[in-house]
Amino acid sequence: TPERIAAEHAISVRRLYLLLSDAGLSLEQWLITERLAKARRIL
């Protein structure tokens, strides 16, 4: 979750979303894309 990712890096969830936004990323969509790519490699 965003909370878990933020806690692991000692930042707030807000800071996490700002960091990703500055990089042009949506956390949810990026995770889905990465998970689908992993699934494609498995398949």
All heavy atoms as atom14 arrays in JSON, in Angstrom:
{
  "sequence": "TPERIAAEHAISVRRLYLLLSDAGLSLEQWLITERLAKARRIL",
  "atom14_mask": [
    [1, 1, 1, 1, 1, 1, 1, 0, 0, 0, 0, 0, 0, 0],
    [1, 1, 1, 1, 1, 1, 1, 0, 0, 0, 0, 0, 0, 0],
    [1, 1, 1, 1, 1, 1, 1, 1, 1, 0, 0, 0, 0, 0],
    [1, 1, 1, 1, 1, 1, 1, 1, 1, 1, 1, 0, 0, 0],
    [1, 1, 1, 1, 1, 1, 1, 1, 0, 0, 0, 0, 0, 0],
    [1, 1, 1, 1, 1, 0, 0, 0, 0, 0, 0, 0, 0, 0],
    [1, 1, 1, 1, 1, 0, 0, 0, 0, 0, 0, 0, 0, 0],
    [1, 1, 1, 1, 1, 1, 1, 1, 1, 0, 0, 0, 0, 0],
    [1, 1, 1, 1, 1, 1, 1, 1, 1, 1, 0, 0, 0, 0],
    [1, 1, 1, 1, 1, 0, 0, 0, 0, 0, 0, 0, 0, 0],
    [1, 1, 1, 1, 1, 1, 1, 1, 0, 0, 0, 0, 0, 0],
    [1, 1, 1, 1, 1, 1, 0, 0, 0, 0, 0, 0, 0, 0],
    [1, 1, 1, 1, 1, 1, 1, 0, 0, 0, 0, 0, 0, 0],
    [1, 1, 1, 1, 1, 1, 1, 1, 1, 1, 1, 0, 0, 0],
    [1, 1, 1, 1, 1, 1, 1, 1, 1, 1, 1, 0, 0, 0],
    [1, 1, 1, 1, 1, 1, 1, 1, 0, 0, 0, 0, 0, 0],
    [1, 1, 1, 1, 1, 1, 1, 1, 1, 1, 1, 1, 0, 0],
    [1, 1, 1, 1, 1, 1, 1, 1, 0, 0, 0, 0, 0, 0],
    [1, 1, 1, 1, 1, 1, 1, 1, 0, 0, 0, 0, 0, 0],
    [1, 1, 1, 1, 1, 1, 1, 1, 0, 0, 0, 0, 0, 0],
    [1, 1, 1, 1, 1, 1, 0, 0, 0, 0, 0, 0, 0, 0],
    [1, 1, 1, 1, 1, 1, 1, 1, 0, 0, 0, 0, 0, 0],
    [1, 1, 1, 1, 1, 0, 0, 0, 0, 0, 0, 0, 0, 0],
    [1, 1, 1, 1, 0, 0, 0, 0, 0, 0, 0, 0, 0, 0],
    [1, 1, 1, 1, 1, 1, 1, 1, 0, 0, 0, 0, 0, 0],
    [1, 1, 1, 1, 1, 1, 0, 0, 0, 0, 0, 0, 0, 0],
    [1, 1, 1, 1, 1, 1, 1, 1, 0, 0, 0, 0, 0, 0],
    [1, 1, 1, 1, 1, 1, 1, 1, 1, 0, 0, 0, 0, 0],
    [1, 1, 1, 1, 1, 1, 1, 1, 1, 0, 0, 0, 0, 0],
    [1, 1, 1, 1, 1, 1, 1, 1, 1, 1, 1, 1, 1, 1],
    [1, 1, 1, 1, 1, 1, 1, 1, 0, 0, 0, 0, 0, 0],
    [1, 1, 1, 1, 1, 1, 1, 1, 0, 0, 0, 0, 0, 0],
    [1, 1, 1, 1, 1, 1, 1, 0, 0, 0, 0, 0, 0, 0],
    [1, 1, 1, 1, 1, 1, 1, 1, 1, 0, 0, 0, 0, 0],
    [1, 1, 1, 1, 1, 1, 1, 1, 1, 1, 1, 0, 0, 0],
    [1, 1, 1, 1, 1, 1, 1, 1, 0, 0, 0, 0, 0, 0],
    [1, 1, 1, 1, 1, 0, 0, 0, 0, 0, 0, 0, 0, 0],
    [1, 1, 1, 1, 1, 1, 1, 1, 1, 0, 0, 0, 0, 0],
    [1, 1, 1, 1, 1, 0, 0, 0, 0, 0, 0, 0, 0, 0],
    [1, 1, 1, 1, 1, 1, 1, 1, 1, 1, 1, 0, 0, 0],
    [1, 1, 1, 1, 1, 1, 1, 1, 1, 1, 1, 0, 0, 0],
    [1, 1, 1, 1, 1, 1, 1, 1, 0, 0, 0, 0, 0, 0],
    [1, 1, 1, 1, 1, 1, 1, 1, 0, 0, 0, 0, 0, 0]
  ],
  "atom14_positions": [
    [[0.84, -1.19, 0.0], [0.0, 0.0, 0.0], [0.88, 1.25, 0.0], [2.07, 1.18, 0.34], [-0.88, 0.04, 1.26], [-0.01, 0.14, 2.41], [-1.77, -1.18, 1.38], [0.0, 0.0, 0.0], [0.0, 0.0, 0.0], [0.0, 0.0, 0.0], [0.0, 0.0, 0.0], [0.0, 0.0, 0.0], [0.0, 0.0, 0.0], [0.0, 0.0, 0.0]],
    [[0.29, 2.38, -0.33], [1.05, 3.63, -0.25], [1.58, 3.86, 1.17], [2.72, 4.32, 1.34], [0.02, 4.7, -0.63], [-0.97, 3.98, -1.47], [-1.04, 2.59, -0.91], [0.0, 0.0, 0.0], [0.0, 0.0, 0.0], [0.0, 0.0, 0.0], [0.0, 0.0, 0.0], [0.0, 0.0, 0.0], [0.0, 0.0, 0.0], [0.0, 0.0, 0.0]],
    [[0.8, 3.51, 2.16], [1.22, 3.69, 3.55], [2.46, 2.85, 3.86], [3.39, 3.31, 4.51], [0.08, 3.35, 4.52], [-1.11, 4.29, 4.45], [-2.04, 4.06, 3.26], [-1.96, 3.0, 2.6], [-2.85, 4.95, 2.97], [0.0, 0.0, 0.0], [0.0, 0.0, 0.0], [0.0, 0.0, 0.0], [0.0, 0.0, 0.0], [0.0, 0.0, 0.0]],
    [[2.44, 1.63, 3.39], [3.57, 0.74, 3.64], [4.83, 1.21, 2.9], [5.92, 1.2, 3.46], [3.22, -0.68, 3.2], [4.34, -1.65, 3.45], [3.86, -3.07, 3.26], [4.98, -3.88, 2.83], [4.86, -5.03, 2.23], [3.66, -5.52, 1.97], [5.91, -5.72, 1.88], [0.0, 0.0, 0.0], [0.0, 0.0, 0.0], [0.0, 0.0, 0.0]],
    [[4.67, 1.63, 1.67], [5.81, 2.13, 0.89], [6.39, 3.37, 1.55], [7.6, 3.49, 1.72], [5.39, 2.44, -0.56], [4.98, 1.15, -1.28], [6.53, 3.13, -1.31], [4.3, 1.37, -2.62], [0.0, 0.0, 0.0], [0.0, 0.0, 0.0], [0.0, 0.0, 0.0], [0.0, 0.0, 0.0], [0.0, 0.0, 0.0], [0.0, 0.0, 0.0]],
    [[5.52, 4.29, 1.96], [5.98, 5.52, 2.61], [6.69, 5.21, 3.92], [7.77, 5.74, 4.19], [4.8, 6.46, 2.85], [0.0, 0.0, 0.0], [0.0, 0.0, 0.0], [0.0, 0.0, 0.0], [0.0, 0.0, 0.0], [0.0, 0.0, 0.0], [0.0, 0.0, 0.0], [0.0, 0.0, 0.0], [0.0, 0.0, 0.0], [0.0, 0.0, 0.0]],
    [[6.11, 4.34, 4.73], [6.72, 4.0, 6.02], [8.09, 3.35, 5.82], [9.03, 3.65, 6.56], [5.8, 3.07, 6.81], [0.0, 0.0, 0.0], [0.0, 0.0, 0.0], [0.0, 0.0, 0.0], [0.0, 0.0, 0.0], [0.0, 0.0, 0.0], [0.0, 0.0, 0.0], [0.0, 0.0, 0.0], [0.0, 0.0, 0.0], [0.0, 0.0, 0.0]],
    [[8.2, 2.51, 4.84], [9.46, 1.83, 4.56], [10.57, 2.82, 4.2], [11.75, 2.56, 4.43], [9.27, 0.83, 3.41], [10.47, -0.02, 3.13], [10.82, -0.98, 4.25], [9.92, -1.41, 4.98], [12.01, -1.3, 4.37], [0.0, 0.0, 0.0], [0.0, 0.0, 0.0], [0.0, 0.0, 0.0], [0.0, 0.0, 0.0], [0.0, 0.0, 0.0]],
    [[10.18, 3.98, 3.67], [11.16, 4.98, 3.26], [11.17, 6.21, 4.16], [11.78, 7.23, 3.84], [10.89, 5.37, 1.8], [11.15, 4.22, 0.88], [10.18, 3.29, 0.58], [12.28, 3.81, 0.26], [10.71, 2.37, -0.21], [11.98, 2.67, -0.42], [0.0, 0.0, 0.0], [0.0, 0.0, 0.0], [0.0, 0.0, 0.0], [0.0, 0.0, 0.0]],
    [[10.49, 6.08, 5.3], [10.46, 7.14, 6.32], [10.01, 8.49, 5.75], [10.58, 9.54, 6.04], [11.82, 7.27, 7.0], [0.0, 0.0, 0.0], [0.0, 0.0, 0.0], [0.0, 0.0, 0.0], [0.0, 0.0, 0.0], [0.0, 0.0, 0.0], [0.0, 0.0, 0.0], [0.0, 0.0, 0.0], [0.0, 0.0, 0.0], [0.0, 0.0, 0.0]],
    [[8.95, 8.42, 4.94], [8.34, 9.63, 4.41], [6.83, 9.54, 4.61], [6.3, 8.46, 4.86], [8.67, 9.85, 2.9], [8.15, 8.68, 2.04], [10.17, 10.08, 2.7], [8.31, 8.88, 0.55], [0.0, 0.0, 0.0], [0.0, 0.0, 0.0], [0.0, 0.0, 0.0], [0.0, 0.0, 0.0], [0.0, 0.0, 0.0], [0.0, 0.0, 0.0]],
    [[6.17, 10.66, 4.47], [4.71, 10.64, 4.58], [4.1, 10.15, 3.28], [4.75, 10.17, 2.22], [4.19, 12.05, 4.88], [4.38, 12.89, 3.74], [0.0, 0.0, 0.0], [0.0, 0.0, 0.0], [0.0, 0.0, 0.0], [0.0, 0.0, 0.0], [0.0, 0.0, 0.0], [0.0, 0.0, 0.0], [0.0, 0.0, 0.0], [0.0, 0.0, 0.0]],
    [[2.87, 9.72, 3.35], [2.16, 9.29, 2.15], [2.03, 10.48, 1.19], [2.2, 10.32, -0.02], [0.77, 8.71, 2.51], [-0.05, 8.43, 1.27], [0.92, 7.45, 3.35], [0.0, 0.0, 0.0], [0.0, 0.0, 0.0], [0.0, 0.0, 0.0], [0.0, 0.0, 0.0], [0.0, 0.0, 0.0], [0.0, 0.0, 0.0], [0.0, 0.0, 0.0]],
    [[1.8, 11.63, 1.74], [1.71, 12.83, 0.9], [3.02, 13.05, 0.15], [3.01, 13.35, -1.04], [1.38, 14.05, 1.75], [1.28, 15.29, 0.91], [0.86, 16.48, 1.69], [0.81, 17.6, 0.75], [0.73, 18.82, 1.07], [0.65, 19.18, 2.32], [0.71, 19.77, 0.14], [0.0, 0.0, 0.0], [0.0, 0.0, 0.0], [0.0, 0.0, 0.0]],
    [[4.13, 12.91, 0.85], [5.44, 13.09, 0.21], [5.65, 12.04, -0.87], [6.21, 12.32, -1.94], [6.56, 13.01, 1.26], [7.94, 13.1, 0.7], [8.25, 14.54, 0.27], [9.54, 14.59, -0.37], [9.72, 14.8, -1.67], [8.69, 15.01, -2.46], [10.93, 14.82, -2.18], [0.0, 0.0, 0.0], [0.0, 0.0, 0.0], [0.0, 0.0, 0.0]],
    [[5.2, 10.82, -0.63], [5.29, 9.76, -1.63], [4.55, 10.15, -2.89], [5.08, 10.05, -4.0], [4.74, 8.45, -1.06], [4.64, 7.28, -2.05], [6.03, 6.84, -2.51], [3.89, 6.12, -1.4], [0.0, 0.0, 0.0], [0.0, 0.0, 0.0], [0.0, 0.0, 0.0], [0.0, 0.0, 0.0], [0.0, 0.0, 0.0], [0.0, 0.0, 0.0]],
    [[3.3, 10.59, -2.73], [2.51, 10.98, -3.89], [3.11, 12.18, -4.62], [3.09, 12.23, -5.85], [1.06, 11.25, -3.49], [0.25, 9.98, -3.36], [-0.24, 9.57, -2.13], [-0.03, 9.18, -4.47], [-0.98, 8.41, -2.01], [-0.77, 8.03, -4.34], [-1.25, 7.64, -3.12], [-1.98, 6.49, -3.01], [0.0, 0.0, 0.0], [0.0, 0.0, 0.0]],
    [[3.67, 13.13, -3.89], [4.32, 14.27, -4.53], [5.55, 13.84, -5.32], [5.78, 14.3, -6.43], [4.7, 15.33, -3.49], [3.55, 16.16, -2.92], [4.05, 17.01, -1.75], [2.94, 17.03, -4.0], [0.0, 0.0, 0.0], [0.0, 0.0, 0.0], [0.0, 0.0, 0.0], [0.0, 0.0, 0.0], [0.0, 0.0, 0.0], [0.0, 0.0, 0.0]],
    [[6.32, 12.96, -4.74], [7.52, 12.44, -5.39], [7.15, 11.77, -6.72], [7.76, 12.02, -7.76], [8.22, 11.44, -4.46], [9.45, 10.74, -5.0], [10.63, 11.71, -5.06], [9.8, 9.56, -4.1], [0.0, 0.0, 0.0], [0.0, 0.0, 0.0], [0.0, 0.0, 0.0], [0.0, 0.0, 0.0], [0.0, 0.0, 0.0], [0.0, 0.0, 0.0]],
    [[6.14, 10.92, -6.66], [5.71, 10.21, -7.87], [5.08, 11.15, -8.88], [5.32, 11.04, -10.09], [4.76, 9.08, -7.5], [5.41, 7.95, -6.7], [4.36, 7.03, -6.11], [6.38, 7.17, -7.56], [0.0, 0.0, 0.0], [0.0, 0.0, 0.0], [0.0, 0.0, 0.0], [0.0, 0.0, 0.0], [0.0, 0.0, 0.0], [0.0, 0.0, 0.0]],
    [[4.3, 12.09, -8.4], [3.67, 13.06, -9.28], [4.71, 13.89, -10.02], [4.59, 14.14, -11.23], [2.74, 13.98, -8.49], [2.18, 14.96, -9.31], [0.0, 0.0, 0.0], [0.0, 0.0, 0.0], [0.0, 0.0, 0.0], [0.0, 0.0, 0.0], [0.0, 0.0, 0.0], [0.0, 0.0, 0.0], [0.0, 0.0, 0.0], [0.0, 0.0, 0.0]],
    [[5.75, 14.3, -9.31], [6.83, 15.06, -9.94], [7.53, 14.26, -11.03], [8.08, 14.84, -11.97], [7.86, 15.51, -8.89], [7.34, 16.62, -7.99], [6.29, 17.21, -8.3], [8.0, 16.88, -6.96], [0.0, 0.0, 0.0], [0.0, 0.0, 0.0], [0.0, 0.0, 0.0], [0.0, 0.0, 0.0], [0.0, 0.0, 0.0], [0.0, 0.0, 0.0]],
    [[7.5, 12.94, -10.9], [8.1, 12.06, -11.91], [7.09, 11.68, -13.0], [7.4, 10.89, -13.89], [8.64, 10.8, -11.24], [0.0, 0.0, 0.0], [0.0, 0.0, 0.0], [0.0, 0.0, 0.0], [0.0, 0.0, 0.0], [0.0, 0.0, 0.0], [0.0, 0.0, 0.0], [0.0, 0.0, 0.0], [0.0, 0.0, 0.0], [0.0, 0.0, 0.0]],
    [[5.88, 12.22, -12.9], [4.85, 11.93, -13.88], [4.2, 10.56, -13.71], [3.7, 9.99, -14.67], [0.0, 0.0, 0.0], [0.0, 0.0, 0.0], [0.0, 0.0, 0.0], [0.0, 0.0, 0.0], [0.0, 0.0, 0.0], [0.0, 0.0, 0.0], [0.0, 0.0, 0.0], [0.0, 0.0, 0.0], [0.0, 0.0, 0.0], [0.0, 0.0, 0.0]],
    [[4.22, 10.06, -12.49], [3.67, 8.72, -12.22], [2.46, 8.77, -11.31], [2.43, 9.53, -10.35], [4.73, 7.85, -11.55], [5.99, 7.55, -12.33], [7.01, 6.84, -11.45], [5.68, 6.7, -13.55], [0.0, 0.0, 0.0], [0.0, 0.0, 0.0], [0.0, 0.0, 0.0], [0.0, 0.0, 0.0], [0.0, 0.0, 0.0], [0.0, 0.0, 0.0]],
    [[1.5, 7.92, -11.6], [0.39, 7.63, -10.7], [0.74, 6.32, -10.03], [0.97, 5.31, -10.71], [-0.92, 7.48, -11.49], [-1.86, 6.72, -10.78], [0.0, 0.0, 0.0], [0.0, 0.0, 0.0], [0.0, 0.0, 0.0], [0.0, 0.0, 0.0], [0.0, 0.0, 0.0], [0.0, 0.0, 0.0], [0.0, 0.0, 0.0], [0.0, 0.0, 0.0]],
    [[0.8, 6.29, -8.71], [1.21, 5.08, -8.0], [0.36, 3.89, -8.38], [0.88, 2.82, -8.73], [1.18, 5.3, -6.48], [1.6, 4.1, -5.64], [3.03, 3.66, -5.96], [1.44, 4.4, -4.16], [0.0, 0.0, 0.0], [0.0, 0.0, 0.0], [0.0, 0.0, 0.0], [0.0, 0.0, 0.0], [0.0, 0.0, 0.0], [0.0, 0.0, 0.0]],
    [[-0.94, 4.04, -8.34], [-1.83, 2.92, -8.63], [-1.61, 2.39, -10.05], [-1.45, 1.19, -10.25], [-3.29, 3.32, -8.45], [-4.25, 2.2, -8.76], [-5.71, 2.6, -8.65], [-6.02, 3.8, -8.56], [-6.54, 1.69, -8.68], [0.0, 0.0, 0.0], [0.0, 0.0, 0.0], [0.0, 0.0, 0.0], [0.0, 0.0, 0.0], [0.0, 0.0, 0.0]],
    [[-1.59, 3.28, -11.02], [-1.42, 2.84, -12.41], [-0.03, 2.25, -12.65], [0.11, 1.27, -13.39], [-1.7, 3.99, -13.37], [-3.15, 4.39, -13.41], [-4.07, 3.21, -13.67], [-3.9, 2.44, -14.61], [-5.06, 3.02, -12.8], [0.0, 0.0, 0.0], [0.0, 0.0, 0.0], [0.0, 0.0, 0.0], [0.0, 0.0, 0.0], [0.0, 0.0, 0.0]],
    [[0.99, 2.84, -12.02], [2.34, 2.32, -12.18], [2.43, 0.9, -11.6], [3.0, 0.01, -12.23], [3.36, 3.25, -11.52], [4.76, 2.75, -11.66], [5.55, 2.83, -12.78], [5.52, 2.06, -10.67], [6.75, 2.22, -12.54], [6.77, 1.74, -11.24], [5.27, 1.68, -9.36], [7.77, 1.06, -10.56], [6.27, 1.0, -8.67], [7.5, 0.71, -9.27]],
    [[1.85, 0.69, -10.42], [1.86, -0.65, -9.82], [1.13, -1.66, -10.69], [1.61, -2.79, -10.88], [1.25, -0.63, -8.42], [2.1, -0.02, -7.32], [1.31, 0.07, -6.02], [3.38, -0.8, -7.12], [0.0, 0.0, 0.0], [0.0, 0.0, 0.0], [0.0, 0.0, 0.0], [0.0, 0.0, 0.0], [0.0, 0.0, 0.0], [0.0, 0.0, 0.0]],
    [[0.0, -1.27, -11.23], [-0.75, -2.18, -12.11], [0.06, -2.51, -13.35], [0.17, -3.69, -13.75], [-2.13, -1.58, -12.49], [-3.05, -1.61, -11.26], [-2.76, -2.34, -13.65], [-4.34, -0.84, -11.44], [0.0, 0.0, 0.0], [0.0, 0.0, 0.0], [0.0, 0.0, 0.0], [0.0, 0.0, 0.0], [0.0, 0.0, 0.0], [0.0, 0.0, 0.0]],
    [[0.68, -1.52, -13.94], [1.52, -1.75, -15.12], [2.68, -2.68, -14.8], [2.97, -3.61, -15.57], [2.04, -0.4, -15.67], [0.93, 0.41, -16.03], [2.95, -0.6, -16.87], [0.0, 0.0, 0.0], [0.0, 0.0, 0.0], [0.0, 0.0, 0.0], [0.0, 0.0, 0.0], [0.0, 0.0, 0.0], [0.0, 0.0, 0.0], [0.0, 0.0, 0.0]],
    [[3.33, -2.46, -13.68], [4.44, -3.33, -13.26], [3.96, -4.75, -12.97], [4.63, -5.73, -13.34], [5.13, -2.76, -12.02], [5.9, -1.48, -12.29], [7.1, -1.69, -13.21], [7.88, -2.64, -12.97], [7.27, -0.89, -14.13], [0.0, 0.0, 0.0], [0.0, 0.0, 0.0], [0.0, 0.0, 0.0], [0.0, 0.0, 0.0], [0.0, 0.0, 0.0]],
    [[2.82, -4.88, -12.34], [2.27, -6.21, -12.03], [1.88, -6.94, -13.31], [2.11, -8.15, -13.44], [1.09, -6.09, -11.08], [1.53, -5.79, -9.67], [0.38, -5.52, -8.74], [0.86, -5.57, -7.35], [0.23, -5.02, -6.34], [-0.93, -4.39, -6.52], [0.73, -5.12, -5.12], [0.0, 0.0, 0.0], [0.0, 0.0, 0.0], [0.0, 0.0, 0.0]],
    [[1.31, -6.24, -14.26], [0.95, -6.85, -15.54], [2.2, -7.29, -16.3], [2.22, -8.36, -16.92], [0.11, -5.9, -16.38], [-1.31, -5.65, -15.87], [-1.97, -4.53, -16.68], [-2.14, -6.92, -15.9], [0.0, 0.0, 0.0], [0.0, 0.0, 0.0], [0.0, 0.0, 0.0], [0.0, 0.0, 0.0], [0.0, 0.0, 0.0], [0.0, 0.0, 0.0]],
    [[3.25, -6.48, -16.25], [4.5, -6.84, -16.92], [5.11, -8.09, -16.27], [5.63, -8.97, -16.96], [5.48, -5.67, -16.87], [0.0, 0.0, 0.0], [0.0, 0.0, 0.0], [0.0, 0.0, 0.0], [0.0, 0.0, 0.0], [0.0, 0.0, 0.0], [0.0, 0.0, 0.0], [0.0, 0.0, 0.0], [0.0, 0.0, 0.0], [0.0, 0.0, 0.0]],
    [[5.04, -8.16, -14.96], [5.52, -9.36, -14.24], [4.71, -10.57, -14.68], [5.27, -11.64, -14.94], [5.42, -9.16, -12.73], [5.86, -10.37, -11.93], [5.76, -10.14, -10.44], [6.18, -11.39, -9.68], [6.14, -11.19, -8.23], [0.0, 0.0, 0.0], [0.0, 0.0, 0.0], [0.0, 0.0, 0.0], [0.0, 0.0, 0.0], [0.0, 0.0, 0.0]],
    [[3.4, -10.41, -14.77], [2.53, -11.52, -15.19], [2.89, -11.96, -16.61], [2.94, -13.16, -16.9], [1.07, -11.1, -15.12], [0.0, 0.0, 0.0], [0.0, 0.0, 0.0], [0.0, 0.0, 0.0], [0.0, 0.0, 0.0], [0.0, 0.0, 0.0], [0.0, 0.0, 0.0], [0.0, 0.0, 0.0], [0.0, 0.0, 0.0], [0.0, 0.0, 0.0]],
    [[3.16, -11.02, -17.47], [3.53, -11.36, -18.85], [4.82, -12.17, -18.88], [4.93, -13.14, -19.63], [3.67, -10.09, -19.68], [3.86, -10.38, -21.14], [3.86, -9.12, -21.95], [3.71, -9.45, -23.34], [4.06, -8.66, -24.32], [4.57, -7.47, -24.06], [3.9, -9.02, -25.57], [0.0, 0.0, 0.0], [0.0, 0.0, 0.0], [0.0, 0.0, 0.0]],
    [[5.79, -11.79, -18.06], [7.04, -12.56, -17.99], [6.77, -13.97, -17.47], [7.34, -14.94, -18.0], [8.05, -11.84, -17.09], [8.62, -10.58, -17.71], [9.77, -10.0, -16.91], [9.42, -9.64, -15.54], [8.91, -8.48, -15.17], [8.65, -7.54, -16.06], [8.65, -8.25, -13.89], [0.0, 0.0, 0.0], [0.0, 0.0, 0.0], [0.0, 0.0, 0.0]],
    [[5.92, -14.09, -16.47], [5.59, -15.42, -15.95], [4.9, -16.26, -17.01], [5.24, -17.43, -17.22], [4.71, -15.3, -14.68], [5.54, -14.76, -13.51], [4.07, -16.64, -14.32], [4.73, -14.41, -12.27], [0.0, 0.0, 0.0], [0.0, 0.0, 0.0], [0.0, 0.0, 0.0], [0.0, 0.0, 0.0], [0.0, 0.0, 0.0], [0.0, 0.0, 0.0]],
    [[3.94, -15.66, -17.69], [3.19, -16.4, -18.7], [4.06, -16.8, -19.88], [3.77, -17.79, -20.56], [1.99, -15.58, -19.17], [0.89, -15.38, -18.13], [-0.12, -14.35, -18.62], [0.22, -16.69, -17.8], [0.0, 0.0, 0.0], [0.0, 0.0, 0.0], [0.0, 0.0, 0.0], [0.0, 0.0, 0.0], [0.0, 0.0, 0.0], [0.0, 0.0, 0.0]]
  ]
}
